[in-house]
Protein backbone atom coordinates (compact mmCIF):
# COMPACT_ATOMS: atom_id res chain seq x y z
CA MET A 1 -262.80 85.32 230.37
CA PHE A 2 -261.05 84.01 233.04
CA PRO A 3 -258.24 82.31 233.11
CA GLU A 4 -258.88 80.31 236.66
CA ASN A 5 -261.40 80.56 239.21
CA THR A 6 -259.71 82.72 241.49
CA PRO A 7 -259.22 85.94 239.50
CA ALA A 8 -263.10 85.58 238.40
CA LEU A 9 -264.33 85.18 242.16
CA GLN A 10 -261.93 88.47 243.51
CA GLN A 11 -263.65 90.46 240.10
CA VAL A 12 -267.31 88.99 242.03
CA GLN A 13 -266.30 89.94 245.29
CA PHE A 14 -265.24 93.28 244.00
CA GLY A 15 -268.42 94.05 242.49
CA GLN A 16 -267.35 94.47 238.78
CA VAL A 17 -269.19 91.14 237.68
CA ALA A 18 -272.40 90.04 239.21
CA ALA A 19 -271.87 86.10 239.00
CA TYR A 20 -269.71 83.92 237.40
CA GLY A 21 -270.00 79.92 236.26
CA VAL A 22 -267.90 77.61 238.30
CA ALA A 23 -267.78 74.02 239.23
CA TYR A 24 -270.39 73.32 241.88
CA GLU A 25 -268.25 72.08 244.31
CA THR A 26 -266.39 75.22 244.15
CA ALA A 27 -269.27 76.94 244.22
CA LEU A 28 -270.38 75.35 247.21
CA TYR A 29 -266.79 75.71 248.90
CA TYR A 30 -266.36 79.89 248.12
CA ALA A 31 -270.10 80.38 249.62
CA HIS A 32 -268.83 78.31 252.56
CA LEU A 33 -265.79 80.22 253.15
CA GLN A 34 -266.89 83.80 252.90
CA PRO A 35 -270.68 83.42 253.61
CA SER A 36 -270.99 86.95 253.60
CA GLN A 37 -270.08 87.62 250.08
CA PHE A 38 -270.81 84.22 247.94
CA ALA A 39 -273.95 82.05 247.69
CA VAL A 40 -274.42 79.69 245.08
CA GLY A 41 -277.02 80.89 242.33
CA GLY A 42 -279.01 77.21 242.13
CA PRO A 43 -278.62 73.29 242.10
CA PRO A 44 -275.90 72.40 239.14
CA TYR A 45 -277.41 72.56 235.77
CA PHE A 46 -275.18 69.56 234.02
CA LYS A 47 -272.87 66.96 235.15
CA ILE A 48 -269.88 66.75 234.39
CA LEU A 49 -268.26 62.86 234.30
CA THR A 50 -265.21 61.78 235.38
CA GLY A 51 -263.82 59.28 235.98
CA ILE A 52 -260.56 56.98 238.10
CA GLY A 53 -257.29 56.19 235.83
CA VAL A 54 -255.88 53.08 236.84
CA SER A 55 -252.42 51.70 235.60
CA LYS A 56 -251.95 48.39 234.16
CA ASP A 57 -249.43 47.57 235.80
CA THR A 58 -251.16 47.77 239.13
CA PRO A 59 -253.72 44.17 238.26
CA GLY A 60 -256.85 44.25 240.76
CA LEU A 61 -256.93 47.41 241.41
CA GLU A 62 -260.14 48.61 239.29
CA ALA A 63 -261.62 45.35 240.69
CA SER A 64 -260.80 46.78 244.39
CA LEU A 65 -261.88 50.03 244.07
CA ARG A 66 -265.27 48.83 242.62
CA LYS A 67 -265.80 46.37 245.30
CA ASN A 68 -264.93 49.14 247.83
CA LEU A 69 -267.07 51.90 246.05
CA ASP A 70 -269.91 49.39 246.22
CA ALA A 71 -269.26 48.15 249.56
CA MET A 72 -269.04 52.26 250.53
CA MET A 73 -272.64 52.34 249.13
CA ALA A 74 -274.43 49.34 250.80
CA ASP A 75 -273.11 50.39 254.22
CA GLY A 76 -274.29 53.92 253.92
CA THR A 77 -270.65 55.23 254.04
CA TYR A 78 -270.98 56.85 250.52
CA ALA A 79 -273.62 58.87 251.06
CA ALA A 80 -272.80 59.62 254.84
CA ILE A 81 -269.52 61.79 253.12
CA TYR A 82 -271.43 63.12 250.08
CA GLN A 83 -273.79 65.13 252.64
CA LYS A 84 -270.96 66.00 255.09
CA TRP A 85 -269.28 68.04 252.44
CA HIS A 86 -273.00 69.13 250.95
CA LEU A 87 -272.83 67.16 247.57
CA THR A 88 -275.67 64.86 247.32
CA ALA A 89 -276.46 66.04 243.96
CA ASP A 90 -272.54 65.18 242.99
CA MET A 91 -273.83 61.29 243.97
CA LEU A 92 -273.26 58.52 241.80
CA PRO A 93 -276.62 56.01 241.21
CA LYS A 94 -276.45 52.99 243.16
CA SER A 95 -274.94 49.82 240.80
């Protein structure tokens, strides 16, 4: 068990372990950073639900975030960002 990704991935580099389970985005990053040493072992097998915390002292911020996310999804910006960074597996469905 490793407390952080860096020492675990170093062990993969050194040949001490054959594989290490890590967040999909991190796996893609390291595979892109050092393609001769790392490869993504497959598509994500689980999605982690995440969200955006909004202070109650910022009225309207949640509505603005929703409005702008919906606009980005409608005009294709959202998909373009995820495609650029090869993260389409993480995309939210259109609301």
